[in-house]
Amino acid sequence: MKQDTKQKIIQAGAKIIHRKGYNHTGIQEVLKAAGVPKGSFYFYFNNKEDFGLHVIDFFNNMLLGMVEPVISDKNISPVRRLENLFDLFIEIFQTLDYTCGCPIGNLSQEMGDLSPAFSAKLTDAVKLMVEMYKDILDEAKDQNLINKHITTKETADFIVSSWHGALIRMKIVKGIKPLELHKRFILNSLQYPAA
């Protein structure tokens, strides 16, 4: 029961934070959305920052749950899995009408340089994303499917940074073009140079 209530608070808070940001999300608003008593918050969390760190873990687990079926499908080539991953994210943001952005990216912009605890937790979250892409790229490189001169760690870092930039542009233009450009540029850059 205790864990269920805590999870309800985290899930409700994550949804609001994704839409409004951390600083614009109030504790009472979260508790009301979760449908739990007002006094419950400090039973489960030390303070709002502690709650925010739990929300980052929630976002990480949510991301892993979404991508796992795509990245673990060994019946599809790693390059195709990478493309499918981009398509999955593009489809998600189309259903969100090109709003919200990446919750980890949003929190990094909002809180990354304001709270050492947030900074450390967000750094780990971004590393998780980078490792996900690096693993796919390593597999593609081992199979000689991408340019052998590519450094997979640097490329994975660039994919994550570029994706967050594309999401910022997406929110401004309220359209898909920045995400499609990101996908096309990355996939083209992985190919062997023309002879």
Protein backbone atom coordinates (compact mmCIF):
# COMPACT_ATOMS: atom_id res chain seq x y z
CA MET A 1 0.00 0.00 0.00
CA LYS A 2 2.81 2.39 0.96
CA GLN A 3 4.65 1.80 -2.33
CA ASP A 4 1.43 2.16 -4.33
CA THR A 5 0.75 5.59 -2.82
CA LYS A 6 4.32 6.71 -3.36
CA GLN A 7 4.19 5.57 -6.99
CA LYS A 8 0.87 7.38 -7.49
CA ILE A 9 2.48 10.61 -6.29
CA ILE A 10 5.55 10.12 -8.50
CA GLN A 11 3.47 9.27 -11.59
CA ALA A 12 1.13 12.21 -11.11
CA GLY A 13 4.06 14.54 -10.47
CA ALA A 14 6.00 13.26 -13.48
CA LYS A 15 3.07 13.98 -15.77
CA ILE A 16 2.72 17.54 -14.49
CA ILE A 17 6.47 18.21 -14.49
CA HIS A 18 6.77 16.96 -18.07
CA ARG A 19 4.11 19.45 -19.12
CA LYS A 20 4.88 22.46 -16.87
CA GLY A 21 8.42 22.03 -15.57
CA TYR A 22 9.74 21.36 -12.08
CA ASN A 23 9.60 24.90 -10.70
CA HIS A 24 6.05 25.48 -11.97
CA THR A 25 4.78 22.29 -10.33
CA GLY A 26 3.43 22.63 -6.80
CA ILE A 27 3.31 19.87 -4.20
CA GLN A 28 -0.40 20.43 -3.52
CA GLU A 29 -1.11 20.23 -7.25
CA VAL A 30 0.69 16.87 -7.41
CA LEU A 31 -1.14 15.47 -4.39
CA LYS A 32 -4.49 16.57 -5.78
CA ALA A 33 -3.72 14.94 -9.14
CA ALA A 34 -2.62 11.75 -7.35
CA GLY A 35 -5.76 11.73 -5.23
CA VAL A 36 -3.88 11.32 -1.97
CA PRO A 37 -4.19 13.29 1.31
CA LYS A 38 -2.28 16.56 1.61
CA GLY A 39 -0.15 15.33 4.49
CA SER A 40 1.16 12.36 2.54
CA PHE A 41 3.99 14.05 0.69
CA TYR A 42 6.50 14.31 3.54
CA PHE A 43 5.80 10.77 4.63
CA TYR A 44 7.33 9.56 1.35
CA PHE A 45 9.80 12.34 0.43
CA ASN A 46 12.23 14.47 2.43
CA ASN A 47 11.46 17.56 0.37
CA LYS A 48 10.55 18.65 -3.16
CA GLU A 49 14.10 18.04 -4.41
CA ASP A 50 14.01 14.45 -3.13
CA PHE A 51 10.69 14.03 -4.94
CA GLY A 52 12.22 15.46 -8.13
CA LEU A 53 15.06 12.93 -7.99
CA HIS A 54 12.51 10.11 -7.76
CA VAL A 55 10.72 11.58 -10.78
CA ILE A 56 13.97 11.42 -12.78
CA ASP A 57 14.22 7.71 -11.93
CA PHE A 58 10.61 7.32 -13.06
CA PHE A 59 11.40 8.99 -16.40
CA ASN A 60 14.44 6.72 -16.86
CA ASN A 61 12.38 3.60 -16.24
CA MET A 62 9.66 4.88 -18.56
CA LEU A 63 12.23 5.46 -21.33
CA LEU A 64 13.75 2.01 -20.88
CA GLY A 65 10.31 0.43 -20.99
CA MET A 66 9.49 2.20 -24.26
CA VAL A 67 12.74 1.44 -26.06
CA GLU A 68 13.43 -2.09 -24.84
CA PRO A 69 11.23 -3.85 -27.45
CA VAL A 70 12.95 -1.87 -30.22
CA ILE A 71 16.58 -2.16 -29.15
CA SER A 72 16.40 -5.81 -28.12
CA ASP A 73 14.94 -7.13 -31.40
CA LYS A 74 17.93 -9.02 -32.78
CA ASN A 75 15.92 -10.09 -35.83
CA ILE A 76 16.43 -6.57 -37.17
CA SER A 77 19.79 -5.06 -38.10
CA PRO A 78 21.21 -2.55 -35.59
CA VAL A 79 20.98 0.28 -38.14
CA ARG A 80 17.32 -0.51 -38.71
CA ARG A 81 16.78 -0.63 -34.93
CA LEU A 82 18.35 2.81 -34.66
CA GLU A 83 16.00 4.09 -37.36
CA ASN A 84 13.04 2.44 -35.60
CA LEU A 85 14.07 4.13 -32.38
CA PHE A 86 14.02 7.55 -34.04
CA ASP A 87 10.64 6.72 -35.61
CA LEU A 88 9.24 5.65 -32.23
CA PHE A 89 10.22 8.96 -30.63
CA ILE A 90 8.92 10.95 -33.60
CA GLU A 91 5.59 9.14 -33.35
CA ILE A 92 5.38 9.88 -29.62
CA PHE A 93 5.89 13.61 -30.15
CA GLN A 94 3.38 13.66 -32.98
CA THR A 95 0.77 12.27 -30.56
CA LEU A 96 1.78 14.99 -28.06
CA ASP A 97 1.20 17.61 -30.78
CA TYR A 98 4.90 18.55 -30.73
CA THR A 99 4.81 19.67 -27.08
CA CYS A 100 6.50 18.66 -23.81
CA GLY A 101 9.88 17.56 -25.21
CA CYS A 102 12.18 15.09 -23.49
CA PRO A 103 11.56 15.14 -19.72
CA ILE A 104 15.25 14.55 -18.98
CA GLY A 105 16.30 17.27 -21.44
CA ASN A 106 13.75 19.68 -19.97
CA LEU A 107 14.92 19.06 -16.42
CA SER A 108 18.55 19.37 -17.52
CA GLN A 109 17.83 22.83 -18.92
CA GLU A 110 15.76 23.90 -15.92
CA MET A 111 17.67 22.38 -13.00
CA GLY A 112 21.03 21.09 -14.26
CA ASP A 113 23.04 24.05 -13.01
CA LEU A 114 20.88 24.93 -9.99
CA SER A 115 21.05 21.77 -7.90
CA PRO A 116 24.10 19.51 -7.50
CA ALA A 117 21.81 16.57 -6.69
CA PHE A 118 19.76 17.16 -9.85
CA SER A 119 22.93 17.64 -11.88
CA ALA A 120 24.36 14.30 -10.74
CA LYS A 121 21.09 12.42 -11.30
CA LEU A 122 20.54 14.01 -14.72
CA THR A 123 24.13 13.25 -15.74
CA ASP A 124 23.46 9.58 -14.99
CA ALA A 125 20.20 9.72 -16.96
CA VAL A 126 21.93 11.17 -20.02
CA LYS A 127 24.71 8.57 -19.72
CA LEU A 128 22.03 5.91 -19.85
CA MET A 129 20.74 7.33 -23.15
CA VAL A 130 24.25 7.59 -24.57
CA GLU A 131 25.02 3.98 -23.60
CA MET A 132 21.84 2.82 -25.32
CA TYR A 133 22.91 4.41 -28.60
CA LYS A 134 26.54 3.33 -28.18
CA ASP A 135 25.52 -0.31 -27.78
CA ILE A 136 23.54 -0.19 -31.04
CA LEU A 137 26.38 1.58 -32.85
CA ASP A 138 28.96 -0.89 -31.53
CA GLU A 139 26.89 -3.75 -32.85
CA ALA A 140 26.50 -2.05 -36.24
CA LYS A 141 30.23 -1.38 -36.41
CA ASP A 142 31.06 -4.99 -35.52
CA GLN A 143 28.82 -6.10 -38.38
CA ASN A 144 30.52 -3.64 -40.75
CA LEU A 145 27.21 -1.83 -41.33
CA ILE A 146 28.48 1.67 -40.58
CA ASN A 147 31.62 3.65 -41.30
CA LYS A 148 34.50 1.95 -39.47
CA HIS A 149 36.10 5.34 -38.72
CA ILE A 150 33.18 6.43 -36.53
CA THR A 151 33.89 6.64 -32.80
CA THR A 152 30.74 5.11 -31.34
CA LYS A 153 30.91 6.86 -27.93
CA GLU A 154 31.32 10.32 -29.48
CA THR A 155 28.61 9.58 -32.03
CA ALA A 156 26.23 8.41 -29.31
CA ASP A 157 26.98 11.59 -27.32
CA PHE A 158 26.26 13.66 -30.41
CA ILE A 159 22.99 11.82 -31.13
CA VAL A 160 21.68 12.60 -27.64
CA SER A 161 22.78 16.25 -27.75
CA SER A 162 21.43 16.73 -31.26
CA TRP A 163 18.13 15.09 -30.30
CA HIS A 164 17.63 17.46 -27.38
CA GLY A 165 18.35 20.40 -29.67
CA ALA A 166 15.90 19.06 -32.25
CA LEU A 167 13.22 18.80 -29.55
CA ILE A 168 13.71 22.45 -28.58
CA ARG A 169 13.29 23.43 -32.25
CA MET A 170 10.25 21.13 -32.52
CA LYS A 171 8.52 22.93 -29.66
CA ILE A 172 9.22 26.31 -31.25
CA VAL A 173 8.02 25.43 -34.77
CA LYS A 174 5.30 23.02 -33.53
CA GLY A 175 6.22 20.54 -36.23
CA ILE A 176 8.10 17.41 -37.17
CA LYS A 177 10.84 18.83 -39.44
CA PRO A 178 13.59 19.22 -36.79
CA LEU A 179 13.10 15.58 -35.73
CA GLU A 180 13.16 14.32 -39.30
CA LEU A 181 16.30 16.35 -40.02
CA HIS A 182 17.97 14.87 -36.94
CA LYS A 183 17.10 11.35 -38.06
CA ARG A 184 18.21 11.88 -41.65
CA PHE A 185 21.47 13.60 -40.71
CA ILE A 186 22.47 10.93 -38.20
CA LEU A 187 21.66 8.00 -40.49
CA ASN A 188 23.47 9.63 -43.43
CA SER A 189 26.54 10.40 -41.31
CA LEU A 190 26.87 6.72 -40.34
CA GLN A 191 27.21 5.52 -43.90
CA TYR A 192 30.46 4.70 -45.60
CA PRO A 193 31.72 7.63 -47.71
CA ALA A 194 31.03 7.32 -51.41
CA ALA A 195 33.95 5.85 -53.35
